Amino acid sequence: MTVPGSPRPPRSCLDRGTRSATTSPEMETLRRRVWRDQGVVSLHLEDITDPWLRQAIQNEAVRRWGPRQQEKTHGR
């Protein structure tokens, strides 16, 4: 409850209910900025069309950070 004319309460990055989902163009802008400012690459595996390159990137990510949660084990 707020009093009319009073200042709005402070915003917090922990308040997830007030922000809409990030759009595709926004994500692309963020990726570009992080690459240019920090040298960090963010890629979607599905966007990489070369199967050899896609597998090499996936192998390196699994080696560094472990398998993805949604990754299928194909019965193993």
PDB file of N, CA and C in Angstrom:
ATOM      1  N   MET A   1       0.840  -1.172   0.000  1.00  0.00           N
ATOM      2  CA  MET A   1       0.000   0.000   0.000  1.00  0.00           C
ATOM      3  C   MET A   1       0.889   1.241   0.000  1.00  0.00           C
ATOM      4  N   THR A   2       0.588   2.164  -0.872  1.00  0.00           N
ATOM      5  CA  THR A   2       1.371   3.397  -0.934  1.00  0.00           C
ATOM      6  C   THR A   2       0.452   4.600  -0.774  1.00  0.00           C
ATOM      7  N   VAL A   3       1.039   5.651  -0.317  1.00  0.00           N
ATOM      8  CA  VAL A   3       0.313   6.902  -0.150  1.00  0.00           C
ATOM      9  C   VAL A   3       0.390   7.664  -1.470  1.00  0.00           C
ATOM     10  N   PRO A   4      -0.724   8.237  -1.941  1.00  0.00           N
ATOM     11  CA  PRO A   4      -0.671   8.988  -3.196  1.00  0.00           C
ATOM     12  C   PRO A   4       0.367  10.100  -3.133  1.00  0.00           C
ATOM     13  N   GLY A   5       1.172  10.215  -4.176  1.00  0.00           N
ATOM     14  CA  GLY A   5       2.193  11.245  -4.250  1.00  0.00           C
ATOM     15  C   GLY A   5       3.510  10.852  -3.602  1.00  0.00           C
ATOM     16  N   SER A   6       3.555   9.692  -2.966  1.00  0.00           N
ATOM     17  CA  SER A   6       4.809   9.266  -2.322  1.00  0.00           C
ATOM     18  C   SER A   6       5.745   8.674  -3.383  1.00  0.00           C
ATOM     19  N   PRO A   7       7.048   8.639  -3.089  1.00  0.00           N
ATOM     20  CA  PRO A   7       7.979   8.066  -4.057  1.00  0.00           C
ATOM     21  C   PRO A   7       7.740   6.574  -4.230  1.00  0.00           C
ATOM     22  N   ARG A   8       8.094   6.091  -5.385  1.00  0.00           N
ATOM     23  CA  ARG A   8       7.947   4.661  -5.646  1.00  0.00           C
ATOM     24  C   ARG A   8       8.989   3.887  -4.841  1.00  0.00           C
ATOM     25  N   PRO A   9       8.683   2.664  -4.439  1.00  0.00           N
ATOM     26  CA  PRO A   9       9.664   1.869  -3.706  1.00  0.00           C
ATOM     27  C   PRO A   9      10.858   1.544  -4.593  1.00  0.00           C
ATOM     28  N   PRO A  10      12.025   1.328  -4.003  1.00  0.00           N
ATOM     29  CA  PRO A  10      13.209   1.029  -4.810  1.00  0.00           C
ATOM     30  C   PRO A  10      13.045  -0.285  -5.569  1.00  0.00           C
ATOM     31  N   ARG A  11      13.646  -0.342  -6.748  1.00  0.00           N
ATOM     32  CA  ARG A  11      13.614  -1.560  -7.546  1.00  0.00           C
ATOM     33  C   ARG A  11      14.791  -2.432  -7.169  1.00  0.00           C
ATOM     34  N   SER A  12      14.622  -3.710  -7.331  1.00  0.00           N
ATOM     35  CA  SER A  12      15.673  -4.659  -7.001  1.00  0.00           C
ATOM     36  C   SER A  12      15.855  -5.630  -8.152  1.00  0.00           C
ATOM     37  N   CYS A  13      17.096  -6.050  -8.383  1.00  0.00           N
ATOM     38  CA  CYS A  13      17.349  -7.043  -9.416  1.00  0.00           C
ATOM     39  C   CYS A  13      16.788  -8.403  -9.001  1.00  0.00           C
ATOM     40  N   LEU A  14      16.449  -8.554  -7.729  1.00  0.00           N
ATOM     41  CA  LEU A  14      15.898  -9.818  -7.243  1.00  0.00           C
ATOM     42  C   LEU A  14      14.397  -9.911  -7.447  1.00  0.00           C
ATOM     43  N   ASP A  15      13.767  -8.815  -7.794  1.00  0.00           N
ATOM     44  CA  ASP A  15      12.328  -8.794  -8.023  1.00  0.00           C
ATOM     45  C   ASP A  15      12.048  -9.229  -9.448  1.00  0.00           C
ATOM     46  N   ARG A  16      11.890 -10.505  -9.654  1.00  0.00           N
ATOM     47  CA  ARG A  16      11.755 -11.058 -11.005  1.00  0.00           C
ATOM     48  C   ARG A  16      10.365 -10.874 -11.604  1.00  0.00           C
ATOM     49  N   GLY A  17       9.386 -10.513 -10.797  1.00  0.00           N
ATOM     50  CA  GLY A  17       8.033 -10.396 -11.303  1.00  0.00           C
ATOM     51  C   GLY A  17       7.754  -9.131 -12.078  1.00  0.00           C
ATOM     52  N   THR A  18       8.673  -8.164 -12.088  1.00  0.00           N
ATOM     53  CA  THR A  18       8.387  -6.889 -12.723  1.00  0.00           C
ATOM     54  C   THR A  18       8.998  -6.758 -14.107  1.00  0.00           C
ATOM     55  N   ARG A  19       9.831  -7.693 -14.531  1.00  0.00           N
ATOM     56  CA  ARG A  19      10.527  -7.571 -15.812  1.00  0.00           C
ATOM     57  C   ARG A  19       9.987  -8.590 -16.795  1.00  0.00           C
ATOM     58  N   SER A  20       9.784  -8.156 -18.021  1.00  0.00           N
ATOM     59  CA  SER A  20       9.329  -9.084 -19.049  1.00  0.00           C
ATOM     60  C   SER A  20      10.516  -9.912 -19.550  1.00  0.00           C
ATOM     61  N   ALA A  21      10.220 -10.974 -20.245  1.00  0.00           N
ATOM     62  CA  ALA A  21      11.259 -11.850 -20.781  1.00  0.00           C
ATOM     63  C   ALA A  21      12.120 -11.087 -21.802  1.00  0.00           C
ATOM     64  N   THR A  22      13.395 -11.434 -21.862  1.00  0.00           N
ATOM     65  CA  THR A  22      14.308 -10.785 -22.795  1.00  0.00           C
ATOM     66  C   THR A  22      13.992 -11.254 -24.214  1.00  0.00           C
ATOM     67  N   THR A  23      13.880 -10.324 -25.131  1.00  0.00           N
ATOM     68  CA  THR A  23      13.571 -10.661 -26.513  1.00  0.00           C
ATOM     69  C   THR A  23      14.832 -11.085 -27.257  1.00  0.00           C
ATOM     70  N   SER A  24      14.642 -11.685 -28.410  1.00  0.00           N
ATOM     71  CA  SER A  24      15.767 -12.139 -29.229  1.00  0.00           C
ATOM     72  C   SER A  24      16.697 -10.986 -29.639  1.00  0.00           C
ATOM     73  N   PRO A  25      16.167  -9.856 -30.113  1.00  0.00           N
ATOM     74  CA  PRO A  25      17.067  -8.742 -30.445  1.00  0.00           C
ATOM     75  C   PRO A  25      17.831  -8.205 -29.234  1.00  0.00           C
ATOM     76  N   GLU A  26      17.181  -8.193 -28.058  1.00  0.00           N
ATOM     77  CA  GLU A  26      17.875  -7.752 -26.847  1.00  0.00           C
ATOM     78  C   GLU A  26      19.021  -8.702 -26.505  1.00  0.00           C
ATOM     79  N   MET A  27      18.788 -10.005 -26.630  1.00  0.00           N
ATOM     80  CA  MET A  27      19.837 -10.980 -26.346  1.00  0.00           C
ATOM     81  C   MET A  27      21.004 -10.807 -27.315  1.00  0.00           C
ATOM     82  N   GLU A  28      20.704 -10.568 -28.573  1.00  0.00           N
ATOM     83  CA  GLU A  28      21.768 -10.369 -29.564  1.00  0.00           C
ATOM     84  C   GLU A  28      22.602  -9.136 -29.224  1.00  0.00           C
ATOM     85  N   THR A  29      21.941  -8.072 -28.774  1.00  0.00           N
ATOM     86  CA  THR A  29      22.652  -6.860 -28.355  1.00  0.00           C
ATOM     87  C   THR A  29      23.538  -7.137 -27.149  1.00  0.00           C
ATOM     88  N   LEU A  30      23.016  -7.889 -26.185  1.00  0.00           N
ATOM     89  CA  LEU A  30      23.816  -8.246 -25.011  1.00  0.00           C
ATOM     90  C   LEU A  30      25.025  -9.091 -25.399  1.00  0.00           C
ATOM     91  N   ARG A  31      24.824 -10.062 -26.285  1.00  0.00           N
ATOM     92  CA  ARG A  31      25.939 -10.900 -26.738  1.00  0.00           C
ATOM     93  C   ARG A  31      27.028 -10.061 -27.408  1.00  0.00           C
ATOM     94  N   ARG A  32      26.608  -9.139 -28.257  1.00  0.00           N
ATOM     95  CA  ARG A  32      27.561  -8.274 -28.956  1.00  0.00           C
ATOM     96  C   ARG A  32      28.364  -7.435 -27.967  1.00  0.00           C
ATOM     97  N   ARG A  33      27.668  -6.854 -26.990  1.00  0.00           N
ATOM     98  CA  ARG A  33      28.344  -6.001 -26.014  1.00  0.00           C
ATOM     99  C   ARG A  33      29.320  -6.797 -25.142  1.00  0.00           C
ATOM    100  N   VAL A  34      28.922  -7.979 -24.704  1.00  0.00           N
ATOM    101  CA  VAL A  34      29.802  -8.807 -23.874  1.00  0.00           C
ATOM    102  C   VAL A  34      31.029  -9.242 -24.672  1.00  0.00           C
ATOM    103  N   TRP A  35      30.841  -9.570 -25.946  1.00  0.00           N
ATOM    104  CA  TRP A  35      31.973  -9.946 -26.789  1.00  0.00           C
ATOM    105  C   TRP A  35      32.956  -8.795 -26.933  1.00  0.00           C
ATOM    106  N   ARG A  36      32.444  -7.616 -27.235  1.00  0.00           N
ATOM    107  CA  ARG A  36      33.317  -6.461 -27.458  1.00  0.00           C
ATOM    108  C   ARG A  36      33.982  -5.965 -26.175  1.00  0.00           C
ATOM    109  N   ASP A  37      33.236  -5.970 -25.070  1.00  0.00           N
ATOM    110  CA  ASP A  37      33.768  -5.417 -23.816  1.00  0.00           C
ATOM    111  C   ASP A  37      34.613  -6.411 -23.023  1.00  0.00           C
ATOM    112  N   GLN A  38      34.229  -7.699 -23.041  1.00  0.00           N
ATOM    113  CA  GLN A  38      34.876  -8.664 -22.166  1.00  0.00           C
ATOM    114  C   GLN A  38      35.510  -9.842 -22.892  1.00  0.00           C
ATOM    115  N   GLY A  39      35.258  -9.978 -24.182  1.00  0.00           N
ATOM    116  CA  GLY A  39      35.831 -11.095 -24.925  1.00  0.00           C
ATOM    117  C   GLY A  39      35.153 -12.423 -24.644  1.00  0.00           C
ATOM    118  N   VAL A  40      33.901 -12.389 -24.174  1.00  0.00           N
ATOM    119  CA  VAL A  40      33.149 -13.602 -23.864  1.00  0.00           C
ATOM    120  C   VAL A  40      32.187 -13.882 -25.012  1.00  0.00           C
ATOM    121  N   VAL A  41      32.147 -15.146 -25.441  1.00  0.00           N
ATOM    122  CA  VAL A  41      31.286 -15.543 -26.555  1.00  0.00           C
ATOM    123  C   VAL A  41      30.086 -16.315 -26.013  1.00  0.00           C
ATOM    124  N   SER A  42      28.906 -15.979 -26.485  1.00  0.00           N
ATOM    125  CA  SER A  42      27.685 -16.703 -26.132  1.00  0.00           C
ATOM    126  C   SER A  42      27.035 -17.151 -27.439  1.00  0.00           C
ATOM    127  N   LEU A  43      26.999 -18.463 -27.661  1.00  0.00           N
ATOM    128  CA  LEU A  43      26.468 -19.015 -28.904  1.00  0.00           C
ATOM    129  C   LEU A  43      25.378 -20.042 -28.614  1.00  0.00           C
ATOM    130  N   HIS A  44      24.380 -20.120 -29.490  1.00  0.00           N
ATOM    131  CA  HIS A  44      23.396 -21.193 -29.461  1.00  0.00           C
ATOM    132  C   HIS A  44      23.963 -22.318 -30.311  1.00  0.00           C
ATOM    133  N   LEU A  45      24.036 -23.516 -29.775  1.00  0.00           N
ATOM    134  CA  LEU A  45      24.548 -24.631 -30.566  1.00  0.00           C
ATOM    135  C   LEU A  45      23.708 -24.854 -31.820  1.00  0.00           C
ATOM    136  N   GLU A  46      22.407 -24.626 -31.703  1.00  0.00           N
ATOM    137  CA  GLU A  46      21.520 -24.830 -32.850  1.00  0.00           C
ATOM    138  C   GLU A  46      21.806 -23.855 -33.994  1.00  0.00           C
ATOM    139  N   ASP A  47      22.442 -22.719 -33.685  1.00  0.00           N
ATOM    140  CA  ASP A  47      22.755 -21.723 -34.711  1.00  0.00           C
ATOM    141  C   ASP A  47      24.016 -22.073 -35.495  1.00  0.00           C
ATOM    142  N   ILE A  48      24.813 -23.019 -35.014  1.00  0.00           N
ATOM    143  CA  ILE A  48      26.053 -23.399 -35.690  1.00  0.00           C
ATOM    144  C   ILE A  48      25.726 -24.511 -36.669  1.00  0.00           C
ATOM    145  N   THR A  49      25.893 -24.236 -37.954  1.00  0.00           N
ATOM    146  CA  THR A  49      25.468 -25.185 -38.983  1.00  0.00           C
ATOM    147  C   THR A  49      26.513 -26.254 -39.299  1.00  0.00           C
ATOM    148  N   ASP A  50      27.769 -25.995 -39.058  1.00  0.00           N
ATOM    149  CA  ASP A  50      28.817 -26.979 -39.312  1.00  0.00           C
ATOM    150  C   ASP A  50      28.804 -28.025 -38.197  1.00  0.00           C
ATOM    151  N   PRO A  51      28.475 -29.290 -38.504  1.00  0.00           N
ATOM    152  CA  PRO A  51      28.363 -30.300 -37.454  1.00  0.00           C
ATOM    153  C   PRO A  51      29.676 -30.528 -36.694  1.00  0.00           C
ATOM    154  N   TRP A  52      30.806 -30.474 -37.377  1.00  0.00           N
ATOM    155  CA  TRP A  52      32.099 -30.695 -36.719  1.00  0.00           C
ATOM    156  C   TRP A  52      32.375 -29.576 -35.714  1.00  0.00           C
ATOM    157  N   LEU A  53      32.165 -28.346 -36.136  1.00  0.00           N
ATOM    158  CA  LEU A  53      32.401 -27.202 -35.262  1.00  0.00           C
ATOM    159  C   LEU A  53      31.440 -27.210 -34.073  1.00  0.00           C
ATOM    160  N   ARG A  54      30.160 -27.524 -34.335  1.00  0.00           N
ATOM    161  CA  ARG A  54      29.162 -27.588 -33.267  1.00  0.00           C
ATOM    162  C   ARG A  54      29.566 -28.621 -32.214  1.00  0.00           C
ATOM    163  N   GLN A  55      30.006 -29.801 -32.659  1.00  0.00           N
ATOM    164  CA  GLN A  55      30.406 -30.852 -31.727  1.00  0.00           C
ATOM    165  C   GLN A  55      31.650 -30.460 -30.951  1.00  0.00           C
ATOM    166  N   ALA A  56      32.604 -29.800 -31.611  1.00  0.00           N
ATOM    167  CA  ALA A  56      33.828 -29.366 -30.929  1.00  0.00           C
ATOM    168  C   ALA A  56      33.506 -28.355 -29.828  1.00  0.00           C
ATOM    169  N   ILE A  57      32.604 -27.421 -30.101  1.00  0.00           N
ATOM    170  CA  ILE A  57      32.219 -26.427 -29.098  1.00  0.00           C
ATOM    171  C   ILE A  57      31.482 -27.093 -27.949  1.00  0.00           C
ATOM    172  N   GLN A  58      30.598 -28.015 -28.268  1.00  0.00           N
ATOM    173  CA  GLN A  58      29.856 -28.724 -27.226  1.00  0.00           C
ATOM    174  C   GLN A  58      30.808 -29.550 -26.360  1.00  0.00           C
ATOM    175  N   ASN A  59      31.771 -30.222 -26.975  1.00  0.00           N
ATOM    176  CA  ASN A  59      32.734 -31.014 -26.213  1.00  0.00           C
ATOM    177  C   ASN A  59      33.538 -30.139 -25.252  1.00  0.00           C
ATOM    178  N   GLU A  60      33.959 -28.973 -25.709  1.00  0.00           N
ATOM    179  CA  GLU A  60      34.735 -28.078 -24.846  1.00  0.00           C
ATOM    180  C   GLU A  60      33.895 -27.561 -23.683  1.00  0.00           C
ATOM    181  N   ALA A  61      32.629 -27.234 -23.943  1.00  0.00           N
ATOM    182  CA  ALA A  61      31.746 -26.758 -22.876  1.00  0.00           C
ATOM    183  C   ALA A  61      31.518 -27.858 -21.837  1.00  0.00           C
ATOM    184  N   VAL A  62      31.311 -29.085 -22.277  1.00  0.00           N
ATOM    185  CA  VAL A  62      31.108 -30.197 -21.345  1.00  0.00           C
ATOM    186  C   VAL A  62      32.385 -30.458 -20.557  1.00  0.00           C
ATOM    187  N   ARG A  63      33.537 -30.349 -21.200  1.00  0.00           N
ATOM    188  CA  ARG A  63      34.802 -30.561 -20.502  1.00  0.00           C
ATOM    189  C   ARG A  63      34.992 -29.520 -19.395  1.00  0.00           C
ATOM    190  N   ARG A  64      34.654 -28.270 -19.693  1.00  0.00           N
ATOM    191  CA  ARG A  64      34.869 -27.193 -18.722  1.00  0.00           C
ATOM    192  C   ARG A  64      33.815 -27.154 -17.626  1.00  0.00           C
ATOM    193  N   TRP A  65      32.538 -27.289 -17.998  1.00  0.00           N
ATOM    194  CA  TRP A  65      31.456 -27.018 -17.053  1.00  0.00           C
ATOM    195  C   TRP A  65      30.535 -28.200 -16.791  1.00  0.00           C
ATOM    196  N   GLY A  66      30.782 -29.340 -17.420  1.00  0.00           N
ATOM    197  CA  GLY A  66      29.937 -30.509 -17.220  1.00  0.00           C
ATOM    198  C   GLY A  66      28.764 -30.535 -18.178  1.00  0.00           C
ATOM    199  N   PRO A  67      28.033 -31.635 -18.194  1.00  0.00           N
ATOM    200  CA  PRO A  67      26.905 -31.756 -19.124  1.00  0.00           C
ATOM    201  C   PRO A  67      25.753 -30.833 -18.756  1.00  0.00           C
ATOM    202  N   ARG A  68      24.964 -30.501 -19.744  1.00  0.00           N
ATOM    203  CA  ARG A  68      23.795 -29.654 -19.534  1.00  0.00           C
ATOM    204  C   ARG A  68      22.711 -30.448 -18.835  1.00  0.00           C
ATOM    205  N   GLN A  69      21.835 -29.770 -18.122  1.00  0.00           N
ATOM    206  CA  GLN A  69      20.754 -30.438 -17.399  1.00  0.00           C
ATOM    207  C   GLN A  69      19.761 -31.114 -18.348  1.00  0.00           C
ATOM    208  N   GLN A  70      19.436 -30.465 -19.460  1.00  0.00           N
ATOM    209  CA  GLN A  70      18.451 -31.008 -20.373  1.00  0.00           C
ATOM    210  C   GLN A  70      19.067 -31.954 -21.406  1.00  0.00           C
ATOM    211  N   GLU A  71      20.375 -32.215 -21.293  1.00  0.00           N
ATOM    212  CA  GLU A  71      21.035 -33.080 -22.258  1.00  0.00           C
ATOM    213  C   GLU A  71      20.562 -34.509 -22.084  1.00  0.00           C
ATOM    214  N   LYS A  72      20.265 -35.197 -23.183  1.00  0.00           N
ATOM    215  CA  LYS A  72      19.820 -36.585 -23.159  1.00  0.00           C
ATOM    216  C   LYS A  72      21.038 -37.499 -23.074  1.00  0.00           C
ATOM    217  N   THR A  73      20.899 -38.584 -22.337  1.00  0.00           N
ATOM    218  CA  THR A  73      22.014 -39.526 -22.214  1.00  0.00           C
ATOM    219  C   THR A  73      21.874 -40.680 -23.193  1.00  0.00           C
ATOM    220  N   HIS A  74      20.797 -40.737 -23.970  1.00  0.00           N
ATOM    221  CA  HIS A  74      20.572 -41.764 -24.996  1.00  0.00           C
ATOM    222  C   HIS A  74      20.652 -43.164 -24.402  1.00  0.00           C
ATOM    223  N   GLY A  75      20.026 -43.347 -23.234  1.00  0.00           N
ATOM    224  CA  GLY A  75      19.932 -44.667 -22.628  1.00  0.00           C
ATOM    225  C   GLY A  75      21.154 -45.116 -21.851  1.00  0.00           C
ATOM    226  N   ARG A  76      22.152 -44.271 -21.735  1.00  0.00           N
ATOM    227  CA  ARG A  76      23.344 -44.668 -20.975  1.00  0.00           C
ATOM    228  C   ARG A  76      23.273 -44.227 -19.555  1.00  0.00           C
TER     229      ARG A  76
END
